[in-house]
Amino acid sequence: MDWFIPIDKHSSESQKVLEITDEVIRKRIQNGVLIVQMQNWGVSGKDDYKQFIQKFAQCEHLEEAHKISVHLSGMQHVRNFKVKEERSTDSVNSSVFDEKPSEYEQKPYTRTYRSRIQKSGFERKRRS
């Protein structure tokens, strides 16, 4: 009887089965679309790189080269890091190219991570 009739604000068993089925079908369709997109990207990716390289070779100004190089150097995989360090200027109009470069050590956030041990040689302890 509970199969088709909702009881006490709970949906019926048939409704739950339909929702789960819809969700599974939606996920399968999404996966199929992603697979097709990945296959199509591999075909046209080579031609895209050739076009970017030709445009890059034709650049007359450094600004143009920076804009095109962003596409070639993997801008689609951007990772943003927040750093608590004073900037050399607070001007909104300043560019990252105007500032001095900085280096930061990155450590993974895992419990099993151990930093590498600095290896050193043995001391010579010969009697004189």
C-alpha atoms as a PDB file:
ATOM      1  CA  MET A   1       0.000   0.000   0.000  1.00  0.00           C
ATOM      2  CA  ASP A   2       2.940   2.388   0.729  1.00  0.00           C
ATOM      3  CA  TRP A   3       4.174   1.881  -2.796  1.00  0.00           C
ATOM      4  CA  PHE A   4       1.899   4.493  -4.408  1.00  0.00           C
ATOM      5  CA  ILE A   5       0.517   6.526  -1.478  1.00  0.00           C
ATOM      6  CA  PRO A   6       2.633   9.062   0.439  1.00  0.00           C
ATOM      7  CA  ILE A   7       2.442   8.722   4.238  1.00  0.00           C
ATOM      8  CA  ASP A   8       3.148  11.444   6.826  1.00  0.00           C
ATOM      9  CA  LYS A   9       5.016  13.935   4.629  1.00  0.00           C
ATOM     10  CA  HIS A  10       7.163  11.111   3.187  1.00  0.00           C
ATOM     11  CA  SER A  11       6.956  10.488  -0.534  1.00  0.00           C
ATOM     12  CA  SER A  12       5.759   7.140  -1.803  1.00  0.00           C
ATOM     13  CA  GLU A  13       8.165   4.346  -2.721  1.00  0.00           C
ATOM     14  CA  SER A  14       7.294   4.679  -6.414  1.00  0.00           C
ATOM     15  CA  GLN A  15       8.150   8.403  -6.278  1.00  0.00           C
ATOM     16  CA  LYS A  16      11.507   7.653  -4.607  1.00  0.00           C
ATOM     17  CA  VAL A  17      12.328   5.073  -7.291  1.00  0.00           C
ATOM     18  CA  LEU A  18      11.483   7.582 -10.039  1.00  0.00           C
ATOM     19  CA  GLU A  19      13.684  10.274  -8.453  1.00  0.00           C
ATOM     20  CA  ILE A  20      16.638   7.895  -8.108  1.00  0.00           C
ATOM     21  CA  THR A  21      16.189   6.694 -11.693  1.00  0.00           C
ATOM     22  CA  ASP A  22      16.057  10.271 -13.003  1.00  0.00           C
ATOM     23  CA  GLU A  23      19.239  11.109 -11.099  1.00  0.00           C
ATOM     24  CA  VAL A  24      21.095   8.066 -12.478  1.00  0.00           C
ATOM     25  CA  ILE A  25      19.994   8.878 -16.040  1.00  0.00           C
ATOM     26  CA  ARG A  26      21.028  12.530 -15.636  1.00  0.00           C
ATOM     27  CA  LYS A  27      24.507  11.513 -14.416  1.00  0.00           C
ATOM     28  CA  ARG A  28      24.974   9.032 -17.262  1.00  0.00           C
ATOM     29  CA  ILE A  29      24.020  11.676 -19.839  1.00  0.00           C
ATOM     30  CA  GLN A  30      26.454  14.157 -18.253  1.00  0.00           C
ATOM     31  CA  ASN A  31      29.261  11.592 -18.400  1.00  0.00           C
ATOM     32  CA  GLY A  32      28.485  10.852 -22.044  1.00  0.00           C
ATOM     33  CA  VAL A  33      28.565  14.548 -22.929  1.00  0.00           C
ATOM     34  CA  LEU A  34      31.928  14.954 -21.156  1.00  0.00           C
ATOM     35  CA  ILE A  35      33.408  11.993 -23.030  1.00  0.00           C
ATOM     36  CA  VAL A  36      32.285  13.424 -26.389  1.00  0.00           C
ATOM     37  CA  GLN A  37      33.700  16.850 -25.484  1.00  0.00           C
ATOM     38  CA  MET A  38      37.052  15.333 -24.518  1.00  0.00           C
ATOM     39  CA  GLN A  39      37.231  13.411 -27.797  1.00  0.00           C
ATOM     40  CA  ASN A  40      36.378  16.508 -29.833  1.00  0.00           C
ATOM     41  CA  TRP A  41      38.898  18.670 -27.967  1.00  0.00           C
ATOM     42  CA  GLY A  42      41.728  16.301 -28.843  1.00  0.00           C
ATOM     43  CA  VAL A  43      40.939  16.596 -32.547  1.00  0.00           C
ATOM     44  CA  SER A  44      40.838  20.390 -32.753  1.00  0.00           C
ATOM     45  CA  GLY A  45      43.398  21.138 -30.021  1.00  0.00           C
ATOM     46  CA  LYS A  46      46.374  20.773 -32.359  1.00  0.00           C
ATOM     47  CA  ASP A  47      44.914  23.230 -34.872  1.00  0.00           C
ATOM     48  CA  ASP A  48      44.120  25.700 -32.080  1.00  0.00           C
ATOM     49  CA  TYR A  49      47.734  25.613 -30.885  1.00  0.00           C
ATOM     50  CA  LYS A  50      48.993  26.232 -34.409  1.00  0.00           C
ATOM     51  CA  GLN A  51      46.764  29.297 -34.727  1.00  0.00           C
ATOM     52  CA  PHE A  52      47.909  30.669 -31.341  1.00  0.00           C
ATOM     53  CA  ILE A  53      51.571  30.157 -32.240  1.00  0.00           C
ATOM     54  CA  GLN A  54      51.098  31.981 -35.547  1.00  0.00           C
ATOM     55  CA  LYS A  55      49.396  34.893 -33.762  1.00  0.00           C
ATOM     56  CA  PHE A  56      52.133  34.899 -31.117  1.00  0.00           C
ATOM     57  CA  ALA A  57      54.838  35.079 -33.805  1.00  0.00           C
ATOM     58  CA  GLN A  58      53.083  38.059 -35.405  1.00  0.00           C
ATOM     59  CA  CYS A  59      52.915  40.121 -32.178  1.00  0.00           C
ATOM     60  CA  GLU A  60      54.580  43.511 -32.424  1.00  0.00           C
ATOM     61  CA  HIS A  61      54.163  44.574 -28.778  1.00  0.00           C
ATOM     62  CA  LEU A  62      54.871  42.869 -25.481  1.00  0.00           C
ATOM     63  CA  GLU A  63      51.313  43.482 -24.264  1.00  0.00           C
ATOM     64  CA  GLU A  64      49.897  41.461 -27.156  1.00  0.00           C
ATOM     65  CA  ALA A  65      52.358  38.643 -26.517  1.00  0.00           C
ATOM     66  CA  HIS A  66      51.332  38.487 -22.840  1.00  0.00           C
ATOM     67  CA  LYS A  67      47.665  38.197 -23.770  1.00  0.00           C
ATOM     68  CA  ILE A  68      48.255  35.367 -26.226  1.00  0.00           C
ATOM     69  CA  SER A  69      50.750  33.537 -24.022  1.00  0.00           C
ATOM     70  CA  VAL A  70      48.058  33.191 -21.356  1.00  0.00           C
ATOM     71  CA  HIS A  71      46.146  30.880 -23.692  1.00  0.00           C
ATOM     72  CA  LEU A  72      49.228  28.818 -24.512  1.00  0.00           C
ATOM     73  CA  SER A  73      50.511  28.408 -20.962  1.00  0.00           C
ATOM     74  CA  GLY A  74      47.453  26.744 -19.474  1.00  0.00           C
ATOM     75  CA  MET A  75      45.340  29.559 -18.084  1.00  0.00           C
ATOM     76  CA  GLN A  76      42.441  27.107 -17.844  1.00  0.00           C
ATOM     77  CA  HIS A  77      44.134  25.501 -14.825  1.00  0.00           C
ATOM     78  CA  VAL A  78      44.448  28.568 -12.615  1.00  0.00           C
ATOM     79  CA  ARG A  79      45.213  28.153  -8.937  1.00  0.00           C
ATOM     80  CA  ASN A  80      44.829  31.146  -6.663  1.00  0.00           C
ATOM     81  CA  PHE A  81      46.876  31.470  -3.503  1.00  0.00           C
ATOM     82  CA  LYS A  82      46.263  33.948  -0.728  1.00  0.00           C
ATOM     83  CA  VAL A  83      49.416  35.401   0.809  1.00  0.00           C
ATOM     84  CA  LYS A  84      49.736  37.682   3.808  1.00  0.00           C
ATOM     85  CA  GLU A  85      52.511  39.921   2.598  1.00  0.00           C
ATOM     86  CA  GLU A  86      52.700  43.644   2.067  1.00  0.00           C
ATOM     87  CA  ARG A  87      52.618  44.710  -1.556  1.00  0.00           C
ATOM     88  CA  SER A  88      55.130  47.193  -2.903  1.00  0.00           C
ATOM     89  CA  THR A  89      52.249  49.468  -3.915  1.00  0.00           C
ATOM     90  CA  ASP A  90      48.560  49.737  -3.076  1.00  0.00           C
ATOM     91  CA  SER A  91      47.678  51.299  -6.408  1.00  0.00           C
ATOM     92  CA  VAL A  92      44.731  49.695  -8.166  1.00  0.00           C
ATOM     93  CA  ASN A  93      46.289  50.584 -11.518  1.00  0.00           C
ATOM     94  CA  SER A  94      49.522  48.671 -10.890  1.00  0.00           C
ATOM     95  CA  SER A  95      50.139  45.375 -12.679  1.00  0.00           C
ATOM     96  CA  VAL A  96      51.768  42.178 -11.412  1.00  0.00           C
ATOM     97  CA  PHE A  97      54.471  42.799 -14.007  1.00  0.00           C
ATOM     98  CA  ASP A  98      55.423  45.996 -12.145  1.00  0.00           C
ATOM     99  CA  GLU A  99      56.137  44.212  -8.852  1.00  0.00           C
ATOM    100  CA  LYS A 100      59.169  42.189  -7.809  1.00  0.00           C
ATOM    101  CA  PRO A 101      58.714  38.400  -7.934  1.00  0.00           C
ATOM    102  CA  SER A 102      58.369  36.436  -4.701  1.00  0.00           C
ATOM    103  CA  GLU A 103      58.933  32.798  -3.822  1.00  0.00           C
ATOM    104  CA  TYR A 104      56.753  30.753  -1.497  1.00  0.00           C
ATOM    105  CA  GLU A 105      57.183  27.195  -0.308  1.00  0.00           C
ATOM    106  CA  GLN A 106      54.096  25.053  -0.676  1.00  0.00           C
ATOM    107  CA  LYS A 107      53.368  22.088   1.534  1.00  0.00           C
ATOM    108  CA  PRO A 108      50.470  19.696   1.007  1.00  0.00           C
ATOM    109  CA  TYR A 109      47.670  19.569   3.544  1.00  0.00           C
ATOM    110  CA  THR A 110      47.855  15.862   4.335  1.00  0.00           C
ATOM    111  CA  ARG A 111      48.464  14.112   7.613  1.00  0.00           C
ATOM    112  CA  THR A 112      51.069  11.771   6.162  1.00  0.00           C
ATOM    113  CA  TYR A 113      53.287  14.490   4.644  1.00  0.00           C
ATOM    114  CA  ARG A 114      56.840  14.698   5.927  1.00  0.00           C
ATOM    115  CA  SER A 115      59.335  17.271   4.738  1.00  0.00           C
ATOM    116  CA  ARG A 116      62.547  15.959   3.232  1.00  0.00           C
ATOM    117  CA  ILE A 117      65.473  15.480   5.548  1.00  0.00           C
ATOM    118  CA  GLN A 118      68.562  17.482   4.720  1.00  0.00           C
ATOM    119  CA  LYS A 119      71.281  14.934   4.038  1.00  0.00           C
ATOM    120  CA  SER A 120      74.837  15.771   4.929  1.00  0.00           C
ATOM    121  CA  GLY A 121      78.103  13.873   4.760  1.00  0.00           C
ATOM    122  CA  PHE A 122      80.066  12.383   7.612  1.00  0.00           C
ATOM    123  CA  GLU A 123      82.592  14.362   9.565  1.00  0.00           C
ATOM    124  CA  ARG A 124      86.139  13.155   9.450  1.00  0.00           C
ATOM    125  CA  LYS A 125      87.109  12.194  12.991  1.00  0.00           C
ATOM    126  CA  ARG A 126      90.645  10.954  12.558  1.00  0.00           C
ATOM    127  CA  ARG A 127      93.093  11.064  15.389  1.00  0.00           C
ATOM    128  CA  SER A 128      96.019  13.346  14.796  1.00  0.00           C
END
